[in-house]
Amino acid sequence: MTTNASSKRARELLALAPVVPVITIERAADAVPLARALVRGGLRTIEITLRTDAAVDAAAAIIAEVPDAVVGIGTVLTPADLARSAEIGAAFAISPGYTPDLLRAAATGALPYTPGIQTASELTACVTAGFDTVKFFPAVPAGGLAALNALTGPFPSVGFCPTGGIGEANAAEWLAHRNVITVGGSWIAPAAAIREGAWQAIEERARAASRLRTAPR
């Protein structure tokens, strides 16, 4: 199958760092100092999830004021979410799952996009639509590394961004898998740390995560 331009570019962006911080932000005012802390710590690629009313304004503020950050929009569920992400200048979009409409919109649009999958059937649908880079979510509840090993047998060229149940204790194990491009996780900047403005602690966690390495390709 031919990989579309959206998926190719998404893989390049996800590969910029071993960990993509998955951010649920409650106050847009926290966005810029948070992003600066992550970038100082060596994690440029950031996923802002569409889980709060502040998400779009937070992402827009980072895009405008932290030029070194590569801002993606997560929890993209509809073509309208995808369009809004492009309108604010996001670098990429990523979903916990997908719909046929979302795959079609992403394949014909300019915004790099990564769909989410759990099963071989879902992965088949994505690959046949031209998406060979996917989010494996929720990674640990969906079967962990054993499930990922099973999926990579028939899909050896697919790149994965496992997310869900991955943290400081097990990230290196996931990154050692040859098909894992990066992992997503909320442990770098948990909601409580953001609320407290614990930017130094977030920077330190980002710095530790940035030292992780993916498997040789």
C-alpha atoms as a PDB file:
ATOM      1  CA  MET A   1       0.000   0.000   0.000  1.00  0.00           C
ATOM      2  CA  THR A   2       1.124   3.555  -0.658  1.00  0.00           C
ATOM      3  CA  THR A   3       1.706   5.734   2.376  1.00  0.00           C
ATOM      4  CA  ASN A   4       0.097   9.150   2.092  1.00  0.00           C
ATOM      5  CA  ALA A   5       1.918  12.432   2.717  1.00  0.00           C
ATOM      6  CA  SER A   6       0.005  13.093   5.932  1.00  0.00           C
ATOM      7  CA  SER A   7       1.247   9.887   7.531  1.00  0.00           C
ATOM      8  CA  LYS A   8       4.821  10.282   6.274  1.00  0.00           C
ATOM      9  CA  ARG A   9       5.123  13.739   7.797  1.00  0.00           C
ATOM     10  CA  ALA A  10       3.471  12.612  11.024  1.00  0.00           C
ATOM     11  CA  ARG A  11       6.137   9.930  11.436  1.00  0.00           C
ATOM     12  CA  GLU A  12       8.891  12.490  10.950  1.00  0.00           C
ATOM     13  CA  LEU A  13       7.428  14.774  13.607  1.00  0.00           C
ATOM     14  CA  LEU A  14       6.796  12.016  16.130  1.00  0.00           C
ATOM     15  CA  ALA A  15      10.385  10.853  15.713  1.00  0.00           C
ATOM     16  CA  LEU A  16      11.778  14.193  16.914  1.00  0.00           C
ATOM     17  CA  ALA A  17      11.851  12.976  20.536  1.00  0.00           C
ATOM     18  CA  PRO A  18      11.517   9.640  22.350  1.00  0.00           C
ATOM     19  CA  VAL A  19       8.550  10.868  24.384  1.00  0.00           C
ATOM     20  CA  VAL A  20       5.594  13.031  23.396  1.00  0.00           C
ATOM     21  CA  PRO A  21       4.104  14.671  26.507  1.00  0.00           C
ATOM     22  CA  VAL A  22       0.326  14.245  26.450  1.00  0.00           C
ATOM     23  CA  ILE A  23      -1.083  17.405  28.011  1.00  0.00           C
ATOM     24  CA  THR A  24      -4.529  18.058  29.447  1.00  0.00           C
ATOM     25  CA  ILE A  25      -4.503  21.751  30.244  1.00  0.00           C
ATOM     26  CA  GLU A  26      -7.175  23.440  32.333  1.00  0.00           C
ATOM     27  CA  ARG A  27      -6.032  27.082  32.113  1.00  0.00           C
ATOM     28  CA  ALA A  28      -4.759  28.625  28.910  1.00  0.00           C
ATOM     29  CA  ALA A  29      -2.495  30.904  30.981  1.00  0.00           C
ATOM     30  CA  ASP A  30      -0.414  27.861  31.953  1.00  0.00           C
ATOM     31  CA  ALA A  31       0.296  26.867  28.354  1.00  0.00           C
ATOM     32  CA  VAL A  32       3.301  29.027  27.502  1.00  0.00           C
ATOM     33  CA  PRO A  33       5.335  28.477  30.696  1.00  0.00           C
ATOM     34  CA  LEU A  34       4.574  24.770  30.454  1.00  0.00           C
ATOM     35  CA  ALA A  35       5.742  24.561  26.849  1.00  0.00           C
ATOM     36  CA  ARG A  36       8.892  26.508  27.637  1.00  0.00           C
ATOM     37  CA  ALA A  37       9.717  24.089  30.450  1.00  0.00           C
ATOM     38  CA  LEU A  38       9.242  21.097  28.145  1.00  0.00           C
ATOM     39  CA  VAL A  39      11.374  22.601  25.386  1.00  0.00           C
ATOM     40  CA  ARG A  40      14.141  23.519  27.850  1.00  0.00           C
ATOM     41  CA  GLY A  41      14.059  19.904  28.989  1.00  0.00           C
ATOM     42  CA  GLY A  42      14.567  18.673  25.438  1.00  0.00           C
ATOM     43  CA  LEU A  43      11.013  17.636  24.463  1.00  0.00           C
ATOM     44  CA  ARG A  44       9.866  19.816  21.588  1.00  0.00           C
ATOM     45  CA  THR A  45       6.942  17.722  20.365  1.00  0.00           C
ATOM     46  CA  ILE A  46       3.852  18.292  22.523  1.00  0.00           C
ATOM     47  CA  GLU A  47       0.322  16.913  22.288  1.00  0.00           C
ATOM     48  CA  ILE A  48      -2.416  19.189  23.623  1.00  0.00           C
ATOM     49  CA  THR A  49      -5.547  17.101  24.080  1.00  0.00           C
ATOM     50  CA  LEU A  50      -9.004  18.419  23.217  1.00  0.00           C
ATOM     51  CA  ARG A  51     -10.345  17.415  26.621  1.00  0.00           C
ATOM     52  CA  THR A  52     -10.936  20.857  28.156  1.00  0.00           C
ATOM     53  CA  ASP A  53     -12.428  24.174  27.116  1.00  0.00           C
ATOM     54  CA  ALA A  54      -8.974  25.738  27.377  1.00  0.00           C
ATOM     55  CA  ALA A  55      -7.284  23.344  24.945  1.00  0.00           C
ATOM     56  CA  VAL A  56      -7.567  25.303  21.695  1.00  0.00           C
ATOM     57  CA  ASP A  57      -6.554  28.625  23.247  1.00  0.00           C
ATOM     58  CA  ALA A  58      -3.660  26.912  25.040  1.00  0.00           C
ATOM     59  CA  ALA A  59      -2.378  25.344  21.832  1.00  0.00           C
ATOM     60  CA  ALA A  60      -2.727  28.620  19.930  1.00  0.00           C
ATOM     61  CA  ALA A  61      -0.754  30.463  22.626  1.00  0.00           C
ATOM     62  CA  ILE A  62       2.108  27.969  22.457  1.00  0.00           C
ATOM     63  CA  ILE A  63       2.180  28.123  18.667  1.00  0.00           C
ATOM     64  CA  ALA A  64       2.367  31.923  18.809  1.00  0.00           C
ATOM     65  CA  GLU A  65       4.850  32.314  21.655  1.00  0.00           C
ATOM     66  CA  VAL A  66       7.063  29.197  21.771  1.00  0.00           C
ATOM     67  CA  PRO A  67       8.433  28.805  18.256  1.00  0.00           C
ATOM     68  CA  ASP A  68      10.697  25.877  19.167  1.00  0.00           C
ATOM     69  CA  ALA A  69       7.716  23.765  20.237  1.00  0.00           C
ATOM     70  CA  VAL A  70       6.113  21.361  17.755  1.00  0.00           C
ATOM     71  CA  VAL A  71       2.479  21.521  18.816  1.00  0.00           C
ATOM     72  CA  GLY A  72       0.094  18.722  17.995  1.00  0.00           C
ATOM     73  CA  ILE A  73      -3.586  18.436  18.805  1.00  0.00           C
ATOM     74  CA  GLY A  74      -4.753  15.221  20.449  1.00  0.00           C
ATOM     75  CA  THR A  75      -8.158  13.642  21.061  1.00  0.00           C
ATOM     76  CA  VAL A  76      -9.115  14.603  17.498  1.00  0.00           C
ATOM     77  CA  LEU A  77     -12.402  12.794  16.924  1.00  0.00           C
ATOM     78  CA  THR A  78     -14.036  14.404  13.870  1.00  0.00           C
ATOM     79  CA  PRO A  79     -13.111  16.088  10.589  1.00  0.00           C
ATOM     80  CA  ALA A  80     -14.177  19.360  12.252  1.00  0.00           C
ATOM     81  CA  ASP A  81     -11.569  18.794  14.985  1.00  0.00           C
ATOM     82  CA  LEU A  82      -8.997  18.155  12.278  1.00  0.00           C
ATOM     83  CA  ALA A  83      -9.951  21.348  10.437  1.00  0.00           C
ATOM     84  CA  ARG A  84      -9.804  23.405  13.629  1.00  0.00           C
ATOM     85  CA  SER A  85      -6.363  22.021  14.388  1.00  0.00           C
ATOM     86  CA  ALA A  86      -5.134  23.124  10.987  1.00  0.00           C
ATOM     87  CA  GLU A  87      -6.731  26.554  11.380  1.00  0.00           C
ATOM     88  CA  ILE A  88      -4.800  27.356  14.555  1.00  0.00           C
ATOM     89  CA  GLY A  89      -1.516  26.277  12.984  1.00  0.00           C
ATOM     90  CA  ALA A  90      -0.953  22.924  14.681  1.00  0.00           C
ATOM     91  CA  ALA A  91       1.948  20.866  13.373  1.00  0.00           C
ATOM     92  CA  PHE A  92       0.059  17.575  13.549  1.00  0.00           C
ATOM     93  CA  ALA A  93      -3.073  15.865  14.839  1.00  0.00           C
ATOM     94  CA  ILE A  94      -3.501  12.562  16.631  1.00  0.00           C
ATOM     95  CA  SER A  95      -6.512  10.484  17.676  1.00  0.00           C
ATOM     96  CA  PRO A  96      -7.285   7.786  20.247  1.00  0.00           C
ATOM     97  CA  GLY A  97      -9.129   5.934  17.470  1.00  0.00           C
ATOM     98  CA  TYR A  98     -10.443   6.818  14.017  1.00  0.00           C
ATOM     99  CA  THR A  99     -13.484   6.888  11.780  1.00  0.00           C
ATOM    100  CA  PRO A 100     -13.620   6.397   8.005  1.00  0.00           C
ATOM    101  CA  ASP A 101     -14.604  10.072   7.635  1.00  0.00           C
ATOM    102  CA  LEU A 102     -11.601  11.143   9.682  1.00  0.00           C
ATOM    103  CA  LEU A 103      -9.215   9.021   7.616  1.00  0.00           C
ATOM    104  CA  ARG A 104     -10.620  10.457   4.391  1.00  0.00           C
ATOM    105  CA  ALA A 105     -10.351  14.032   5.638  1.00  0.00           C
ATOM    106  CA  ALA A 106      -6.776  13.515   6.805  1.00  0.00           C
ATOM    107  CA  ALA A 107      -5.710  11.761   3.593  1.00  0.00           C
ATOM    108  CA  THR A 108      -6.868  14.700   1.481  1.00  0.00           C
ATOM    109  CA  GLY A 109      -5.753  17.460   3.867  1.00  0.00           C
ATOM    110  CA  ALA A 110      -2.366  19.005   4.528  1.00  0.00           C
ATOM    111  CA  LEU A 111      -2.157  18.408   8.286  1.00  0.00           C
ATOM    112  CA  PRO A 112      -0.019  15.432   9.352  1.00  0.00           C
ATOM    113  CA  TYR A 113      -2.270  12.938  11.122  1.00  0.00           C
ATOM    114  CA  THR A 114      -1.881   9.789  13.212  1.00  0.00           C
ATOM    115  CA  PRO A 115      -4.941   7.568  13.851  1.00  0.00           C
ATOM    116  CA  GLY A 116      -5.319   5.394  16.921  1.00  0.00           C
ATOM    117  CA  ILE A 117      -5.740   1.622  16.843  1.00  0.00           C
ATOM    118  CA  GLN A 118      -6.037  -1.393  19.145  1.00  0.00           C
ATOM    119  CA  THR A 119      -6.695  -4.336  16.823  1.00  0.00           C
ATOM    120  CA  ALA A 120      -5.443  -5.937  13.626  1.00  0.00           C
ATOM    121  CA  SER A 121      -8.687  -5.045  11.864  1.00  0.00           C
ATOM    122  CA  GLU A 122      -8.322  -1.378  12.812  1.00  0.00           C
ATOM    123  CA  LEU A 123      -4.690  -1.404  11.745  1.00  0.00           C
ATOM    124  CA  THR A 124      -5.622  -2.988   8.419  1.00  0.00           C
ATOM    125  CA  ALA A 125      -8.134  -0.188   7.776  1.00  0.00           C
ATOM    126  CA  CYS A 126      -5.532   2.469   8.523  1.00  0.00           C
ATOM    127  CA  VAL A 127      -2.788   0.890   6.439  1.00  0.00           C
ATOM    128  CA  THR A 128      -5.063   0.395   3.432  1.00  0.00           C
ATOM    129  CA  ALA A 129      -6.052   4.066   3.729  1.00  0.00           C
ATOM    130  CA  GLY A 130      -2.375   5.045   3.510  1.00  0.00           C
ATOM    131  CA  PHE A 131      -1.545   5.518   7.208  1.00  0.00           C
ATOM    132  CA  ASP A 132       1.475   3.464   8.258  1.00  0.00           C
ATOM    133  CA  THR A 133       2.123   5.393  11.484  1.00  0.00           C
ATOM    134  CA  VAL A 134      -0.442   4.869  14.225  1.00  0.00           C
ATOM    135  CA  LYS A 135      -1.098   5.464  17.901  1.00  0.00           C
ATOM    136  CA  PHE A 136      -1.459   2.186  19.838  1.00  0.00           C
ATOM    137  CA  PHE A 137      -3.995   3.118  22.505  1.00  0.00           C
ATOM    138  CA  PRO A 138      -4.518   2.313  25.299  1.00  0.00           C
ATOM    139  CA  ALA A 139      -1.229   0.456  25.020  1.00  0.00           C
ATOM    140  CA  VAL A 140      -1.000  -1.378  28.330  1.00  0.00           C
ATOM    141  CA  PRO A 141      -4.719  -2.193  28.795  1.00  0.00           C
ATOM    142  CA  ALA A 142      -4.876  -3.322  25.142  1.00  0.00           C
ATOM    143  CA  GLY A 143      -2.327  -6.070  25.752  1.00  0.00           C
ATOM    144  CA  GLY A 144       0.985  -4.320  26.225  1.00  0.00           C
ATOM    145  CA  LEU A 145       4.140  -5.359  24.418  1.00  0.00           C
ATOM    146  CA  ALA A 146       2.772  -8.843  23.737  1.00  0.00           C
ATOM    147  CA  ALA A 147      -0.056  -7.316  21.714  1.00  0.00           C
ATOM    148  CA  LEU A 148       2.335  -4.984  19.908  1.00  0.00           C
ATOM    149  CA  ASN A 149       4.592  -7.914  19.016  1.00  0.00           C
ATOM    150  CA  ALA A 150       1.608  -9.733  17.569  1.00  0.00           C
ATOM    151  CA  LEU A 151       0.586  -6.722  15.469  1.00  0.00           C
ATOM    152  CA  THR A 152       4.054  -6.110  14.053  1.00  0.00           C
ATOM    153  CA  GLY A 153       4.257  -9.652  12.673  1.00  0.00           C
ATOM    154  CA  PRO A 154       1.862  -9.029   9.756  1.00  0.00           C
ATOM    155  CA  PHE A 155       2.615  -5.279   9.709  1.00  0.00           C
ATOM    156  CA  PRO A 156       6.427  -5.079   9.903  1.00  0.00           C
ATOM    157  CA  SER A 157       6.732  -1.593   8.390  1.00  0.00           C
ATOM    158  CA  VAL A 158       4.175   0.167  10.586  1.00  0.00           C
ATOM    159  CA  GLY A 159       5.484   2.693  13.093  1.00  0.00           C
ATOM    160  CA  PHE A 160       3.781   2.980  16.465  1.00  0.00           C
ATOM    161  CA  CYS A 161       3.316   5.640  19.112  1.00  0.00           C
ATOM    162  CA  PRO A 162       2.133   3.592  22.111  1.00  0.00           C
ATOM    163  CA  THR A 163       0.191   5.637  24.657  1.00  0.00           C
ATOM    164  CA  GLY A 164      -1.791   4.655  27.722  1.00  0.00           C
ATOM    165  CA  GLY A 165      -0.271   3.089  30.809  1.00  0.00           C
ATOM    166  CA  ILE A 166       3.262   4.114  29.843  1.00  0.00           C
ATOM    167  CA  GLY A 167       5.337   6.014  32.390  1.00  0.00           C
ATOM    168  CA  GLU A 168       8.822   6.576  33.674  1.00  0.00           C
ATOM    169  CA  ALA A 169       9.154   2.977  34.885  1.00  0.00           C
ATOM    170  CA  ASN A 170       8.369   1.229  31.585  1.00  0.00           C
ATOM    171  CA  ALA A 171       8.991   3.769  28.797  1.00  0.00           C
ATOM    172  CA  ALA A 172      12.461   2.410  28.006  1.00  0.00           C
ATOM    173  CA  GLU A 173      11.064  -1.095  27.547  1.00  0.00           C
ATOM    174  CA  TRP A 174       8.581   0.160  24.968  1.00  0.00           C
ATOM    175  CA  LEU A 175      11.177   2.286  23.191  1.00  0.00           C
ATOM    176  CA  ALA A 176      13.397  -0.775  22.771  1.00  0.00           C
ATOM    177  CA  HIS A 177      10.833  -2.216  20.343  1.00  0.00           C
ATOM    178  CA  ARG A 178      12.015  -1.743  16.758  1.00  0.00           C
ATOM    179  CA  ASN A 179       8.611  -0.528  15.530  1.00  0.00           C
ATOM    180  CA  VAL A 180       8.134   2.099  18.230  1.00  0.00           C
ATOM    181  CA  ILE A 181       8.922   5.608  17.005  1.00  0.00           C
ATOM    182  CA  THR A 182       8.091   7.393  20.241  1.00  0.00           C
ATOM    183  CA  VAL A 183       5.817   6.916  23.236  1.00  0.00           C
ATOM    184  CA  GLY A 184       3.123   9.239  24.521  1.00  0.00           C
ATOM    185  CA  GLY A 185       2.630   9.860  28.184  1.00  0.00           C
ATOM    186  CA  SER A 186       1.226  12.209  30.782  1.00  0.00           C
ATOM    187  CA  TRP A 187       3.832  11.536  33.456  1.00  0.00           C
ATOM    188  CA  ILE A 188       6.073  14.355  32.200  1.00  0.00           C
ATOM    189  CA  ALA A 189       3.506  17.047  32.972  1.00  0.00           C
ATOM    190  CA  PRO A 190       0.649  15.670  35.071  1.00  0.00           C
ATOM    191  CA  ALA A 191      -2.355  17.887  35.656  1.00  0.00           C
ATOM    192  CA  ALA A 192      -1.478  18.500  39.314  1.00  0.00           C
ATOM    193  CA  ALA A 193       2.008  19.732  38.428  1.00  0.00           C
ATOM    194  CA  ILE A 194       0.576  22.082  35.819  1.00  0.00           C
ATOM    195  CA  ARG A 195      -1.960  23.474  38.279  1.00  0.00           C
ATOM    196  CA  GLU A 196       0.835  24.089  40.799  1.00  0.00           C
ATOM    197  CA  GLY A 197       3.089  25.757  38.224  1.00  0.00           C
ATOM    198  CA  ALA A 198       5.845  23.230  38.952  1.00  0.00           C
ATOM    199  CA  TRP A 199       7.794  24.195  35.860  1.00  0.00           C
ATOM    200  CA  GLN A 200      11.204  23.212  37.208  1.00  0.00           C
ATOM    201  CA  ALA A 201       9.997  19.723  38.118  1.00  0.00           C
ATOM    202  CA  ILE A 202       8.389  19.349  34.688  1.00  0.00           C
ATOM    203  CA  GLU A 203      11.601  20.506  33.012  1.00  0.00           C
ATOM    204  CA  GLU A 204      13.595  17.933  34.964  1.00  0.00           C
ATOM    205  CA  ARG A 205      11.232  15.114  34.023  1.00  0.00           C
ATOM    206  CA  ALA A 206      11.390  16.227  30.394  1.00  0.00           C
ATOM    207  CA  ARG A 207      15.181  16.231  30.510  1.00  0.00           C
ATOM    208  CA  ALA A 208      15.258  12.696  31.887  1.00  0.00           C
ATOM    209  CA  ALA A 209      12.795  11.520  29.229  1.00  0.00           C
ATOM    210  CA  SER A 210      14.737  13.199  26.438  1.00  0.00           C
ATOM    211  CA  ARG A 211      17.712  10.981  27.270  1.00  0.00           C
ATOM    212  CA  LEU A 212      15.757   7.822  26.446  1.00  0.00           C
ATOM    213  CA  ARG A 213      16.574   6.209  23.136  1.00  0.00           C
ATOM    214  CA  THR A 214      14.558   4.343  20.548  1.00  0.00           C
ATOM    215  CA  ALA A 215      15.749   1.051  19.067  1.00  0.00           C
ATOM    216  CA  PRO A 216      18.069   1.195  16.016  1.00  0.00           C
ATOM    217  CA  ARG A 217      16.140   1.134  12.742  1.00  0.00           C
END
